[in-house]
Amino acid sequence: MKELVEVIAKSLVDLPDKVVVTEHETEKGLVLELKVDPTDMGKVIGKQGRIAKAIRSVVKAAASREDKKVIIEIE
C-alpha cells in the first residue's frame, strides 16, 4: 500500500523527491502518513478535497482485496 500511495502522490506534485510515506500499525489498521512539500499540498488535496478522497478510495479498494483496513493521513 505504501508504494501505491507514493506513486500516486509523486505523479501529482512538482517536487516528487519531497514525497515521504510512512506506515505504522494501530489497533484500527494500517496508517499511512503522506508528507509533501507545503507548496504541493494543494495539488494533493485538490478542490474541496476531491483528489485526497480519490486517493483514499483507490487505496481502500486495493486494501479490501487483501482484507486490510488502511487509513491515509495527509500532513
PDB file of N, CA and C in Angstrom:
ATOM      1  N   MET A   1       0.813  -1.187   0.000  1.00  0.00           N
ATOM      2  CA  MET A   1       0.000   0.000   0.000  1.00  0.00           C
ATOM      3  C   MET A   1       0.861   1.258   0.000  1.00  0.00           C
ATOM      4  N   LYS A   2       1.961   1.203   0.711  1.00  0.00           N
ATOM      5  CA  LYS A   2       2.852   2.361   0.797  1.00  0.00           C
ATOM      6  C   LYS A   2       3.342   2.766  -0.592  1.00  0.00           C
ATOM      7  N   GLU A   3       3.710   1.791  -1.402  1.00  0.00           N
ATOM      8  CA  GLU A   3       4.227   2.082  -2.744  1.00  0.00           C
ATOM      9  C   GLU A   3       3.143   2.694  -3.625  1.00  0.00           C
ATOM     10  N   LEU A   4       1.913   2.230  -3.480  1.00  0.00           N
ATOM     11  CA  LEU A   4       0.804   2.761  -4.263  1.00  0.00           C
ATOM     12  C   LEU A   4       0.584   4.239  -3.962  1.00  0.00           C
ATOM     13  N   VAL A   5       0.588   4.599  -2.685  1.00  0.00           N
ATOM     14  CA  VAL A   5       0.402   6.000  -2.303  1.00  0.00           C
ATOM     15  C   VAL A   5       1.557   6.851  -2.813  1.00  0.00           C
ATOM     16  N   GLU A   6       2.787   6.331  -2.731  1.00  0.00           N
ATOM     17  CA  GLU A   6       3.953   7.073  -3.221  1.00  0.00           C
ATOM     18  C   GLU A   6       3.843   7.350  -4.713  1.00  0.00           C
ATOM     19  N   VAL A   7       3.474   6.352  -5.496  1.00  0.00           N
ATOM     20  CA  VAL A   7       3.373   6.513  -6.948  1.00  0.00           C
ATOM     21  C   VAL A   7       2.307   7.549  -7.301  1.00  0.00           C
ATOM     22  N   ILE A   8       1.167   7.476  -6.646  1.00  0.00           N
ATOM     23  CA  ILE A   8       0.090   8.424  -6.931  1.00  0.00           C
ATOM     24  C   ILE A   8       0.511   9.840  -6.555  1.00  0.00           C
ATOM     25  N   ALA A   9       1.074  10.006  -5.365  1.00  0.00           N
ATOM     26  CA  ALA A   9       1.456  11.336  -4.893  1.00  0.00           C
ATOM     27  C   ALA A   9       2.574  11.936  -5.744  1.00  0.00           C
ATOM     28  N   LYS A  10       3.568  11.129  -6.101  1.00  0.00           N
ATOM     29  CA  LYS A  10       4.680  11.649  -6.901  1.00  0.00           C
ATOM     30  C   LYS A  10       4.232  12.075  -8.291  1.00  0.00           C
ATOM     31  N   SER A  11       3.185  11.453  -8.819  1.00  0.00           N
ATOM     32  CA  SER A  11       2.701  11.851 -10.141  1.00  0.00           C
ATOM     33  C   SER A  11       1.911  13.151 -10.085  1.00  0.00           C
ATOM     34  N   LEU A  12       1.464  13.560  -8.913  1.00  0.00           N
ATOM     35  CA  LEU A  12       0.661  14.766  -8.782  1.00  0.00           C
ATOM     36  C   LEU A  12       1.469  16.027  -8.495  1.00  0.00           C
ATOM     37  N   VAL A  13       2.598  15.895  -7.822  1.00  0.00           N
ATOM     38  CA  VAL A  13       3.312  17.059  -7.295  1.00  0.00           C
ATOM     39  C   VAL A  13       4.432  17.535  -8.222  1.00  0.00           C
ATOM     40  N   ASP A  14       4.912  18.760  -7.956  1.00  0.00           N
ATOM     41  CA  ASP A  14       6.035  19.319  -8.711  1.00  0.00           C
ATOM     42  C   ASP A  14       7.375  18.867  -8.147  1.00  0.00           C
ATOM     43  N   LEU A  15       7.425  18.560  -6.867  1.00  0.00           N
ATOM     44  CA  LEU A  15       8.665  18.126  -6.214  1.00  0.00           C
ATOM     45  C   LEU A  15       8.509  16.687  -5.709  1.00  0.00           C
ATOM     46  N   PRO A  16       8.620  15.699  -6.624  1.00  0.00           N
ATOM     47  CA  PRO A  16       8.377  14.311  -6.217  1.00  0.00           C
ATOM     48  C   PRO A  16       9.396  13.756  -5.231  1.00  0.00           C
ATOM     49  N   ASP A  17      10.600  14.331  -5.177  1.00  0.00           N
ATOM     50  CA  ASP A  17      11.595  13.818  -4.235  1.00  0.00           C
ATOM     51  C   ASP A  17      11.301  14.250  -2.796  1.00  0.00           C
ATOM     52  N   LYS A  18      10.343  15.155  -2.586  1.00  0.00           N
ATOM     53  CA  LYS A  18       9.964  15.574  -1.233  1.00  0.00           C
ATOM     54  C   LYS A  18       8.776  14.772  -0.694  1.00  0.00           C
ATOM     55  N   VAL A  19       8.277  13.819  -1.478  1.00  0.00           N
ATOM     56  CA  VAL A  19       7.162  12.982  -1.037  1.00  0.00           C
ATOM     57  C   VAL A  19       7.693  11.893  -0.112  1.00  0.00           C
ATOM     58  N   VAL A  20       7.107  11.803   1.083  1.00  0.00           N
ATOM     59  CA  VAL A  20       7.507  10.788   2.061  1.00  0.00           C
ATOM     60  C   VAL A  20       6.249  10.107   2.568  1.00  0.00           C
ATOM     61  N   VAL A  21       6.244   8.777   2.505  1.00  0.00           N
ATOM     62  CA  VAL A  21       5.128   7.998   3.025  1.00  0.00           C
ATOM     63  C   VAL A  21       5.675   7.072   4.106  1.00  0.00           C
ATOM     64  N   THR A  22       5.112   7.193   5.308  1.00  0.00           N
ATOM     65  CA  THR A  22       5.492   6.303   6.398  1.00  0.00           C
ATOM     66  C   THR A  22       4.274   5.489   6.795  1.00  0.00           C
ATOM     67  N   GLU A  23       4.528   4.283   7.285  1.00  0.00           N
ATOM     68  CA  GLU A  23       3.422   3.426   7.680  1.00  0.00           C
ATOM     69  C   GLU A  23       3.664   2.854   9.057  1.00  0.00           C
ATOM     70  N   HIS A  24       2.586   2.685   9.795  1.00  0.00           N
ATOM     71  CA  HIS A  24       2.654   2.006  11.080  1.00  0.00           C
ATOM     72  C   HIS A  24       1.299   1.384  11.393  1.00  0.00           C
ATOM     73  N   GLU A  25       1.353   0.331  12.182  1.00  0.00           N
ATOM     74  CA  GLU A  25       0.150  -0.419  12.548  1.00  0.00           C
ATOM     75  C   GLU A  25      -0.450   0.173  13.823  1.00  0.00           C
ATOM     76  N   THR A  26      -1.773   0.250  13.849  1.00  0.00           N
ATOM     77  CA  THR A  26      -2.505   0.599  15.058  1.00  0.00           C
ATOM     78  C   THR A  26      -3.604  -0.433  15.247  1.00  0.00           C
ATOM     79  N   GLU A  27      -4.372  -0.271  16.309  1.00  0.00           N
ATOM     80  CA  GLU A  27      -5.476  -1.197  16.527  1.00  0.00           C
ATOM     81  C   GLU A  27      -6.579  -1.012  15.493  1.00  0.00           C
ATOM     82  N   LYS A  28      -6.616   0.166  14.845  1.00  0.00           N
ATOM     83  CA  LYS A  28      -7.619   0.436  13.810  1.00  0.00           C
ATOM     84  C   LYS A  28      -7.213  -0.124  12.450  1.00  0.00           C
ATOM     85  N   GLY A  29      -5.930  -0.351  12.243  1.00  0.00           N
ATOM     86  CA  GLY A  29      -5.447  -0.870  10.974  1.00  0.00           C
ATOM     87  C   GLY A  29      -4.117  -0.245  10.607  1.00  0.00           C
ATOM     88  N   LEU A  30      -3.796  -0.307   9.336  1.00  0.00           N
ATOM     89  CA  LEU A  30      -2.547   0.247   8.829  1.00  0.00           C
ATOM     90  C   LEU A  30      -2.728   1.740   8.569  1.00  0.00           C
ATOM     91  N   VAL A  31      -1.866   2.571   9.141  1.00  0.00           N
ATOM     92  CA  VAL A  31      -1.937   4.022   8.957  1.00  0.00           C
ATOM     93  C   VAL A  31      -0.787   4.448   8.057  1.00  0.00           C
ATOM     94  N   LEU A  32      -1.120   5.117   6.958  1.00  0.00           N
ATOM     95  CA  LEU A  32      -0.118   5.661   6.038  1.00  0.00           C
ATOM     96  C   LEU A  32      -0.124   7.175   6.172  1.00  0.00           C
ATOM     97  N   GLU A  33       1.026   7.750   6.482  1.00  0.00           N
ATOM     98  CA  GLU A  33       1.154   9.193   6.608  1.00  0.00           C
ATOM     99  C   GLU A  33       1.857   9.719   5.369  1.00  0.00           C
ATOM    100  N   LEU A  34       1.188  10.600   4.650  1.00  0.00           N
ATOM    101  CA  LEU A  34       1.718  11.184   3.420  1.00  0.00           C
ATOM    102  C   LEU A  34       2.173  12.598   3.718  1.00  0.00           C
ATOM    103  N   LYS A  35       3.456  12.858   3.480  1.00  0.00           N
ATOM    104  CA  LYS A  35       4.007  14.195   3.677  1.00  0.00           C
ATOM    105  C   LYS A  35       4.549  14.689   2.340  1.00  0.00           C
ATOM    106  N   VAL A  36       4.177  15.917   1.977  1.00  0.00           N
ATOM    107  CA  VAL A  36       4.650  16.539   0.747  1.00  0.00           C
ATOM    108  C   VAL A  36       5.147  17.939   1.077  1.00  0.00           C
ATOM    109  N   ASP A  37       5.823  18.555   0.123  1.00  0.00           N
ATOM    110  CA  ASP A  37       6.277  19.926   0.279  1.00  0.00           C
ATOM    111  C   ASP A  37       5.049  20.828   0.453  1.00  0.00           C
ATOM    112  N   PRO A  38       5.129  21.829   1.317  1.00  0.00           N
ATOM    113  CA  PRO A  38       3.967  22.710   1.524  1.00  0.00           C
ATOM    114  C   PRO A  38       3.445  23.374   0.248  1.00  0.00           C
ATOM    115  N   THR A  39       4.319  23.591  -0.732  1.00  0.00           N
ATOM    116  CA  THR A  39       3.863  24.204  -1.984  1.00  0.00           C
ATOM    117  C   THR A  39       3.029  23.238  -2.824  1.00  0.00           C
ATOM    118  N   ASP A  40       3.163  21.947  -2.577  1.00  0.00           N
ATOM    119  CA  ASP A  40       2.413  20.940  -3.328  1.00  0.00           C
ATOM    120  C   ASP A  40       1.175  20.438  -2.589  1.00  0.00           C
ATOM    121  N   MET A  41       0.922  20.952  -1.402  1.00  0.00           N
ATOM    122  CA  MET A  41      -0.194  20.449  -0.598  1.00  0.00           C
ATOM    123  C   MET A  41      -1.532  20.594  -1.325  1.00  0.00           C
ATOM    124  N   GLY A  42      -1.739  21.695  -2.003  1.00  0.00           N
ATOM    125  CA  GLY A  42      -2.995  21.909  -2.719  1.00  0.00           C
ATOM    126  C   GLY A  42      -3.212  20.916  -3.842  1.00  0.00           C
ATOM    127  N   LYS A  43      -2.137  20.481  -4.462  1.00  0.00           N
ATOM    128  CA  LYS A  43      -2.247  19.518  -5.558  1.00  0.00           C
ATOM    129  C   LYS A  43      -2.633  18.140  -5.053  1.00  0.00           C
ATOM    130  N   VAL A  44      -2.211  17.811  -3.844  1.00  0.00           N
ATOM    131  CA  VAL A  44      -2.530  16.506  -3.284  1.00  0.00           C
ATOM    132  C   VAL A  44      -3.953  16.496  -2.699  1.00  0.00           C
ATOM    133  N   ILE A  45      -4.379  17.617  -2.142  1.00  0.00           N
ATOM    134  CA  ILE A  45      -5.710  17.680  -1.543  1.00  0.00           C
ATOM    135  C   ILE A  45      -6.775  17.961  -2.603  1.00  0.00           C
ATOM    136  N   GLY A  46      -6.513  18.895  -3.494  1.00  0.00           N
ATOM    137  CA  GLY A  46      -7.468  19.213  -4.549  1.00  0.00           C
ATOM    138  C   GLY A  46      -8.586  20.116  -4.060  1.00  0.00           C
ATOM    139  N   LYS A  47      -9.410  20.563  -4.992  1.00  0.00           N
ATOM    140  CA  LYS A  47     -10.533  21.426  -4.645  1.00  0.00           C
ATOM    141  C   LYS A  47     -11.543  20.640  -3.836  1.00  0.00           C
ATOM    142  N   GLN A  48     -11.889  21.180  -2.680  1.00  0.00           N
ATOM    143  CA  GLN A  48     -12.837  20.569  -1.749  1.00  0.00           C
ATOM    144  C   GLN A  48     -12.427  19.141  -1.370  1.00  0.00           C
ATOM    145  N   GLY A  49     -11.128  18.843  -1.439  1.00  0.00           N
ATOM    146  CA  GLY A  49     -10.622  17.547  -1.010  1.00  0.00           C
ATOM    147  C   GLY A  49     -10.897  16.405  -1.971  1.00  0.00           C
ATOM    148  N   ARG A  50     -11.205  16.719  -3.218  1.00  0.00           N
ATOM    149  CA  ARG A  50     -11.576  15.667  -4.173  1.00  0.00           C
ATOM    150  C   ARG A  50     -10.433  14.718  -4.500  1.00  0.00           C
ATOM    151  N   ILE A  51      -9.232  15.251  -4.662  1.00  0.00           N
ATOM    152  CA  ILE A  51      -8.100  14.375  -5.008  1.00  0.00           C
ATOM    153  C   ILE A  51      -7.723  13.506  -3.811  1.00  0.00           C
ATOM    154  N   ALA A  52      -7.727  14.084  -2.625  1.00  0.00           N
ATOM    155  CA  ALA A  52      -7.434  13.298  -1.423  1.00  0.00           C
ATOM    156  C   ALA A  52      -8.462  12.184  -1.259  1.00  0.00           C
ATOM    157  N   LYS A  53      -9.712  12.488  -1.529  1.00  0.00           N
ATOM    158  CA  LYS A  53     -10.768  11.487  -1.428  1.00  0.00           C
ATOM    159  C   LYS A  53     -10.567  10.384  -2.467  1.00  0.00           C
ATOM    160  N   ALA A  54     -10.140  10.764  -3.669  1.00  0.00           N
ATOM    161  CA  ALA A  54      -9.895   9.776  -4.718  1.00  0.00           C
ATOM    162  C   ALA A  54      -8.717   8.871  -4.356  1.00  0.00           C
ATOM    163  N   ILE A  55      -7.663   9.445  -3.785  1.00  0.00           N
ATOM    164  CA  ILE A  55      -6.509   8.640  -3.356  1.00  0.00           C
ATOM    165  C   ILE A  55      -6.961   7.636  -2.299  1.00  0.00           C
ATOM    166  N   ARG A  56      -7.755   8.107  -1.342  1.00  0.00           N
ATOM    167  CA  ARG A  56      -8.240   7.215  -0.288  1.00  0.00           C
ATOM    168  C   ARG A  56      -9.114   6.099  -0.868  1.00  0.00           C
ATOM    169  N   SER A  57      -9.919   6.422  -1.873  1.00  0.00           N
ATOM    170  CA  SER A  57     -10.790   5.414  -2.483  1.00  0.00           C
ATOM    171  C   SER A  57      -9.990   4.333  -3.195  1.00  0.00           C
ATOM    172  N   VAL A  58      -8.964   4.741  -3.930  1.00  0.00           N
ATOM    173  CA  VAL A  58      -8.131   3.778  -4.657  1.00  0.00           C
ATOM    174  C   VAL A  58      -7.399   2.864  -3.683  1.00  0.00           C
ATOM    175  N   VAL A  59      -6.833   3.444  -2.639  1.00  0.00           N
ATOM    176  CA  VAL A  59      -6.092   2.644  -1.664  1.00  0.00           C
ATOM    177  C   VAL A  59      -7.043   1.729  -0.891  1.00  0.00           C
ATOM    178  N   LYS A  60      -8.226   2.227  -0.572  1.00  0.00           N
ATOM    179  CA  LYS A  60      -9.207   1.395   0.128  1.00  0.00           C
ATOM    180  C   LYS A  60      -9.614   0.195  -0.724  1.00  0.00           C
ATOM    181  N   ALA A  61      -9.778   0.417  -2.026  1.00  0.00           N
ATOM    182  CA  ALA A  61     -10.129  -0.684  -2.918  1.00  0.00           C
ATOM    183  C   ALA A  61      -9.005  -1.711  -2.987  1.00  0.00           C
ATOM    184  N   ALA A  62      -7.766  -1.240  -3.063  1.00  0.00           N
ATOM    185  CA  ALA A  62      -6.629  -2.164  -3.100  1.00  0.00           C
ATOM    186  C   ALA A  62      -6.500  -2.916  -1.775  1.00  0.00           C
ATOM    187  N   ALA A  63      -6.777  -2.243  -0.676  1.00  0.00           N
ATOM    188  CA  ALA A  63      -6.658  -2.880   0.634  1.00  0.00           C
ATOM    189  C   ALA A  63      -7.761  -3.902   0.862  1.00  0.00           C
ATOM    190  N   SER A  64      -8.927  -3.662   0.300  1.00  0.00           N
ATOM    191  CA  SER A  64     -10.030  -4.600   0.510  1.00  0.00           C
ATOM    192  C   SER A  64      -9.762  -5.939  -0.173  1.00  0.00           C
ATOM    193  N   ARG A  65      -8.949  -5.925  -1.214  1.00  0.00           N
ATOM    194  CA  ARG A  65      -8.576  -7.180  -1.861  1.00  0.00           C
ATOM    195  C   ARG A  65      -7.727  -8.042  -0.939  1.00  0.00           C
ATOM    196  N   GLU A  66      -7.012  -7.397  -0.010  1.00  0.00           N
ATOM    197  CA  GLU A  66      -6.156  -8.118   0.931  1.00  0.00           C
ATOM    198  C   GLU A  66      -6.777  -8.201   2.325  1.00  0.00           C
ATOM    199  N   ASP A  67      -8.034  -7.825   2.447  1.00  0.00           N
ATOM    200  CA  ASP A  67      -8.748  -7.820   3.722  1.00  0.00           C
ATOM    201  C   ASP A  67      -8.022  -7.014   4.793  1.00  0.00           C
ATOM    202  N   LYS A  68      -7.564  -5.831   4.412  1.00  0.00           N
ATOM    203  CA  LYS A  68      -6.891  -4.935   5.348  1.00  0.00           C
ATOM    204  C   LYS A  68      -7.670  -3.632   5.435  1.00  0.00           C
ATOM    205  N   LYS A  69      -7.464  -2.910   6.523  1.00  0.00           N
ATOM    206  CA  LYS A  69      -8.032  -1.580   6.665  1.00  0.00           C
ATOM    207  C   LYS A  69      -6.878  -0.590   6.643  1.00  0.00           C
ATOM    208  N   VAL A  70      -6.972   0.403   5.758  1.00  0.00           N
ATOM    209  CA  VAL A  70      -5.894   1.382   5.604  1.00  0.00           C
ATOM    210  C   VAL A  70      -6.458   2.770   5.832  1.00  0.00           C
ATOM    211  N   ILE A  71      -5.751   3.556   6.621  1.00  0.00           N
ATOM    212  CA  ILE A  71      -6.112   4.938   6.887  1.00  0.00           C
ATOM    213  C   ILE A  71      -4.994   5.816   6.342  1.00  0.00           C
ATOM    214  N   ILE A  72      -5.370   6.822   5.533  1.00  0.00           N
ATOM    215  CA  ILE A  72      -4.369   7.732   4.973  1.00  0.00           C
ATOM    216  C   ILE A  72      -4.489   9.091   5.643  1.00  0.00           C
ATOM    217  N   GLU A  73      -3.371   9.560   6.194  1.00  0.00           N
ATOM    218  CA  GLU A  73      -3.318  10.878   6.803  1.00  0.00           C
ATOM    219  C   GLU A  73      -2.396  11.739   5.961  1.00  0.00           C
ATOM    220  N   ILE A  74      -2.888  12.895   5.526  1.00  0.00           N
ATOM    221  CA  ILE A  74      -2.085  13.817   4.739  1.00  0.00           C
ATOM    222  C   ILE A  74      -1.634  14.935   5.658  1.00  0.00           C
ATOM    223  N   GLU A  75      -0.319  15.108   5.752  1.00  0.00           N
ATOM    224  CA  GLU A  75       0.251  16.110   6.658  1.00  0.00           C
ATOM    225  C   GLU A  75       1.012  17.157   5.883  1.00  0.00           C
TER     226      GLU A  75
END
